[in-house]
Amino acid sequence: MAKRGVPLDRILRVRTLQLGLVRAEEARAIEQVASETALQNRIAQLSAEIAPTASAAEAFSFIAAAHFRDRLNQSAAAADARVAAATTRLDRASEATRDARRDQSAVEKLIAREDAAAAIRAVREMEKAPPLRKVRHDPC
């Protein structure tokens, strides 16, 4: 069979590298979402632990707890925004991975089609070739 086209091999190699890079970016985005979600959960846990209790305490401790709760609520709002941003980045990375996978499979299909066409050409060339001389075995 004839050698496959070099440009398609080069394109496939580039697309494979791009797919690897995009998959790595998607893995980083997944890790970022997990990290931000863990931080959000920790802030919610701390906020729940600071909730006022039914014990008699001084006004100063209530003011300090209220201030700390307010800061935790601000942190929770910021964590929500970070989780939303990380989720958006993850969605974009997933879309880029799908696009890269689609591009790579398209190149692989082109290569397979070219290989099939080369095989058909080789068969046709063999059919067009002059017949080989048959070896006749005469009775001895």
C-alpha atoms as a PDB file:
ATOM      1  CA  MET A   1       0.000   0.000   0.000  1.00  0.00           C
ATOM      2  CA  ALA A   2       1.033   3.570  -0.548  1.00  0.00           C
ATOM      3  CA  LYS A   3       2.310   5.569   2.384  1.00  0.00           C
ATOM      4  CA  ARG A   4      -0.322   7.643   4.115  1.00  0.00           C
ATOM      5  CA  GLY A   5      -0.209  11.397   3.616  1.00  0.00           C
ATOM      6  CA  VAL A   6       2.239  13.172   5.904  1.00  0.00           C
ATOM      7  CA  PRO A   7      -0.015  16.215   6.462  1.00  0.00           C
ATOM      8  CA  LEU A   8      -2.745  14.055   7.991  1.00  0.00           C
ATOM      9  CA  ASP A   9      -0.234  12.405  10.313  1.00  0.00           C
ATOM     10  CA  ARG A  10       1.016  15.813  11.371  1.00  0.00           C
ATOM     11  CA  ILE A  11      -2.518  17.093  11.912  1.00  0.00           C
ATOM     12  CA  LEU A  12      -3.365  14.002  13.953  1.00  0.00           C
ATOM     13  CA  ARG A  13      -0.279  14.478  16.113  1.00  0.00           C
ATOM     14  CA  VAL A  14      -1.176  18.139  16.726  1.00  0.00           C
ATOM     15  CA  ARG A  15      -4.813  17.299  17.482  1.00  0.00           C
ATOM     16  CA  THR A  16      -3.715  14.578  19.897  1.00  0.00           C
ATOM     17  CA  LEU A  17      -1.461  17.043  21.715  1.00  0.00           C
ATOM     18  CA  GLN A  18      -4.261  19.605  21.813  1.00  0.00           C
ATOM     19  CA  LEU A  19      -6.641  17.003  23.193  1.00  0.00           C
ATOM     20  CA  GLY A  20      -4.175  16.156  25.948  1.00  0.00           C
ATOM     21  CA  LEU A  21      -3.778  19.823  26.871  1.00  0.00           C
ATOM     22  CA  VAL A  22      -7.520  20.385  26.904  1.00  0.00           C
ATOM     23  CA  ARG A  23      -8.084  17.295  29.047  1.00  0.00           C
ATOM     24  CA  ALA A  24      -5.465  18.574  31.510  1.00  0.00           C
ATOM     25  CA  GLU A  25      -7.233  21.938  31.635  1.00  0.00           C
ATOM     26  CA  GLU A  26     -10.529  20.168  32.269  1.00  0.00           C
ATOM     27  CA  ALA A  27      -8.948  18.163  35.101  1.00  0.00           C
ATOM     28  CA  ARG A  28      -7.635  21.397  36.638  1.00  0.00           C
ATOM     29  CA  ALA A  29     -11.107  22.933  36.359  1.00  0.00           C
ATOM     30  CA  ILE A  30     -12.673  19.899  38.053  1.00  0.00           C
ATOM     31  CA  GLU A  31     -10.125  20.167  40.869  1.00  0.00           C
ATOM     32  CA  GLN A  32     -10.817  23.905  41.195  1.00  0.00           C
ATOM     33  CA  VAL A  33     -14.572  23.296  41.503  1.00  0.00           C
ATOM     34  CA  ALA A  34     -13.949  20.633  44.138  1.00  0.00           C
ATOM     35  CA  SER A  35     -11.623  22.941  46.078  1.00  0.00           C
ATOM     36  CA  GLU A  36     -14.025  25.884  45.976  1.00  0.00           C
ATOM     37  CA  THR A  37     -16.941  23.660  46.991  1.00  0.00           C
ATOM     38  CA  ALA A  38     -14.942  22.309  49.938  1.00  0.00           C
ATOM     39  CA  LEU A  39     -14.130  25.868  51.010  1.00  0.00           C
ATOM     40  CA  GLN A  40     -17.783  26.834  50.682  1.00  0.00           C
ATOM     41  CA  ASN A  41     -18.812  23.867  52.843  1.00  0.00           C
ATOM     42  CA  ARG A  42     -16.190  24.727  55.476  1.00  0.00           C
ATOM     43  CA  ILE A  43     -17.413  28.325  55.657  1.00  0.00           C
ATOM     44  CA  ALA A  44     -21.001  27.097  56.036  1.00  0.00           C
ATOM     45  CA  GLN A  45     -19.886  24.759  58.821  1.00  0.00           C
ATOM     46  CA  LEU A  46     -18.069  27.569  60.648  1.00  0.00           C
ATOM     47  CA  SER A  47     -21.081  29.822  60.242  1.00  0.00           C
ATOM     48  CA  ALA A  48     -23.334  27.171  61.754  1.00  0.00           C
ATOM     49  CA  GLU A  49     -20.976  26.745  64.707  1.00  0.00           C
ATOM     50  CA  ILE A  50     -21.064  30.479  65.450  1.00  0.00           C
ATOM     51  CA  ALA A  51     -24.859  30.586  65.597  1.00  0.00           C
ATOM     52  CA  PRO A  52     -26.116  32.171  68.819  1.00  0.00           C
ATOM     53  CA  THR A  53     -26.878  29.797  71.659  1.00  0.00           C
ATOM     54  CA  ALA A  54     -29.416  30.042  74.450  1.00  0.00           C
ATOM     55  CA  SER A  55     -26.822  30.693  77.138  1.00  0.00           C
ATOM     56  CA  ALA A  56     -26.467  33.815  79.204  1.00  0.00           C
ATOM     57  CA  ALA A  57     -23.422  35.686  77.942  1.00  0.00           C
ATOM     58  CA  GLU A  58     -22.124  39.180  77.956  1.00  0.00           C
ATOM     59  CA  ALA A  59     -23.048  41.657  75.257  1.00  0.00           C
ATOM     60  CA  PHE A  60     -19.447  41.816  74.099  1.00  0.00           C
ATOM     61  CA  SER A  61     -19.386  38.155  73.126  1.00  0.00           C
ATOM     62  CA  PHE A  62     -22.654  38.619  71.209  1.00  0.00           C
ATOM     63  CA  ILE A  63     -21.172  41.568  69.345  1.00  0.00           C
ATOM     64  CA  ALA A  64     -18.017  39.600  68.551  1.00  0.00           C
ATOM     65  CA  ALA A  65     -20.051  36.597  67.415  1.00  0.00           C
ATOM     66  CA  ALA A  66     -22.275  38.829  65.270  1.00  0.00           C
ATOM     67  CA  HIS A  67     -19.208  40.432  63.692  1.00  0.00           C
ATOM     68  CA  PHE A  68     -17.636  37.029  63.042  1.00  0.00           C
ATOM     69  CA  ARG A  69     -20.914  35.737  61.602  1.00  0.00           C
ATOM     70  CA  ASP A  70     -21.126  38.780  59.338  1.00  0.00           C
ATOM     71  CA  ARG A  71     -17.577  38.159  58.098  1.00  0.00           C
ATOM     72  CA  LEU A  72     -18.400  34.483  57.522  1.00  0.00           C
ATOM     73  CA  ASN A  73     -21.504  35.471  55.552  1.00  0.00           C
ATOM     74  CA  GLN A  74     -19.365  37.762  53.398  1.00  0.00           C
ATOM     75  CA  SER A  75     -16.896  34.926  52.900  1.00  0.00           C
ATOM     76  CA  ALA A  76     -19.768  32.579  52.036  1.00  0.00           C
ATOM     77  CA  ALA A  77     -21.022  35.020  49.396  1.00  0.00           C
ATOM     78  CA  ALA A  78     -17.510  35.289  47.948  1.00  0.00           C
ATOM     79  CA  ALA A  79     -17.190  31.489  48.002  1.00  0.00           C
ATOM     80  CA  ASP A  80     -20.501  31.183  46.147  1.00  0.00           C
ATOM     81  CA  ALA A  81     -19.182  33.550  43.485  1.00  0.00           C
ATOM     82  CA  ARG A  82     -15.923  31.570  43.221  1.00  0.00           C
ATOM     83  CA  VAL A  83     -17.834  28.291  42.895  1.00  0.00           C
ATOM     84  CA  ALA A  84     -19.998  29.806  40.156  1.00  0.00           C
ATOM     85  CA  ALA A  85     -16.903  31.078  38.317  1.00  0.00           C
ATOM     86  CA  ALA A  86     -15.148  27.721  38.691  1.00  0.00           C
ATOM     87  CA  THR A  87     -18.244  25.925  37.402  1.00  0.00           C
ATOM     88  CA  THR A  88     -18.324  28.246  34.393  1.00  0.00           C
ATOM     89  CA  ARG A  89     -14.643  27.505  33.695  1.00  0.00           C
ATOM     90  CA  LEU A  90     -15.380  23.788  34.025  1.00  0.00           C
ATOM     91  CA  ASP A  91     -18.233  24.063  31.523  1.00  0.00           C
ATOM     92  CA  ARG A  92     -15.954  25.866  29.062  1.00  0.00           C
ATOM     93  CA  ALA A  93     -13.195  23.291  29.573  1.00  0.00           C
ATOM     94  CA  SER A  94     -15.657  20.433  29.038  1.00  0.00           C
ATOM     95  CA  GLU A  95     -16.885  22.054  25.834  1.00  0.00           C
ATOM     96  CA  ALA A  96     -13.293  22.521  24.646  1.00  0.00           C
ATOM     97  CA  THR A  97     -12.591  18.853  25.400  1.00  0.00           C
ATOM     98  CA  ARG A  98     -15.606  17.779  23.367  1.00  0.00           C
ATOM     99  CA  ASP A  99     -14.484  20.013  20.485  1.00  0.00           C
ATOM    100  CA  ALA A 100     -10.928  18.663  20.597  1.00  0.00           C
ATOM    101  CA  ARG A 101     -12.174  15.073  20.751  1.00  0.00           C
ATOM    102  CA  ARG A 102     -14.470  15.743  17.775  1.00  0.00           C
ATOM    103  CA  ASP A 103     -11.602  17.282  15.782  1.00  0.00           C
ATOM    104  CA  GLN A 104      -9.307  14.367  16.558  1.00  0.00           C
ATOM    105  CA  SER A 105     -11.923  11.782  15.590  1.00  0.00           C
ATOM    106  CA  ALA A 106     -12.551  13.668  12.333  1.00  0.00           C
ATOM    107  CA  VAL A 107      -8.853  13.451  11.474  1.00  0.00           C
ATOM    108  CA  GLU A 108      -8.821   9.760  12.419  1.00  0.00           C
ATOM    109  CA  LYS A 109     -11.791   9.179  10.103  1.00  0.00           C
ATOM    110  CA  LEU A 110      -9.988  10.990   7.285  1.00  0.00           C
ATOM    111  CA  ILE A 111      -6.943   8.787   7.826  1.00  0.00           C
ATOM    112  CA  ALA A 112      -9.098   5.645   7.857  1.00  0.00           C
ATOM    113  CA  ARG A 113     -10.846   6.789   4.677  1.00  0.00           C
ATOM    114  CA  GLU A 114      -7.484   7.473   3.026  1.00  0.00           C
ATOM    115  CA  ASP A 115      -6.185   4.032   4.074  1.00  0.00           C
ATOM    116  CA  ALA A 116      -9.312   2.368   2.679  1.00  0.00           C
ATOM    117  CA  ALA A 117      -8.957   4.276  -0.589  1.00  0.00           C
ATOM    118  CA  ALA A 118      -5.291   3.257  -0.801  1.00  0.00           C
ATOM    119  CA  ALA A 119      -6.245  -0.387  -0.268  1.00  0.00           C
ATOM    120  CA  ILE A 120      -8.863  -0.177  -3.020  1.00  0.00           C
ATOM    121  CA  ARG A 121      -6.311   1.452  -5.355  1.00  0.00           C
ATOM    122  CA  ALA A 122      -3.820  -1.315  -4.614  1.00  0.00           C
ATOM    123  CA  VAL A 123      -6.428  -3.993  -5.350  1.00  0.00           C
ATOM    124  CA  ARG A 124      -7.348  -2.301  -8.636  1.00  0.00           C
ATOM    125  CA  GLU A 125      -3.692  -2.046  -9.630  1.00  0.00           C
ATOM    126  CA  MET A 126      -3.277  -5.742  -8.944  1.00  0.00           C
ATOM    127  CA  GLU A 127      -6.364  -6.484 -11.060  1.00  0.00           C
ATOM    128  CA  LYS A 128      -5.002  -4.397 -13.926  1.00  0.00           C
ATOM    129  CA  ALA A 129      -1.566  -5.989 -13.773  1.00  0.00           C
ATOM    130  CA  PRO A 130      -0.816  -8.587 -16.423  1.00  0.00           C
ATOM    131  CA  PRO A 131      -1.501 -12.094 -15.262  1.00  0.00           C
ATOM    132  CA  LEU A 132       1.393 -14.050 -13.971  1.00  0.00           C
ATOM    133  CA  ARG A 133       2.575 -16.997 -16.024  1.00  0.00           C
ATOM    134  CA  LYS A 134       1.033 -20.110 -14.678  1.00  0.00           C
ATOM    135  CA  VAL A 135       3.433 -22.811 -13.762  1.00  0.00           C
ATOM    136  CA  ARG A 136       2.344 -25.973 -15.461  1.00  0.00           C
ATOM    137  CA  HIS A 137       3.452 -29.219 -14.117  1.00  0.00           C
ATOM    138  CA  ASP A 138       3.662 -31.665 -16.957  1.00  0.00           C
ATOM    139  CA  PRO A 139       3.361 -35.273 -16.083  1.00  0.00           C
ATOM    140  CA  CYS A 140       6.795 -36.633 -15.647  1.00  0.00           C
END
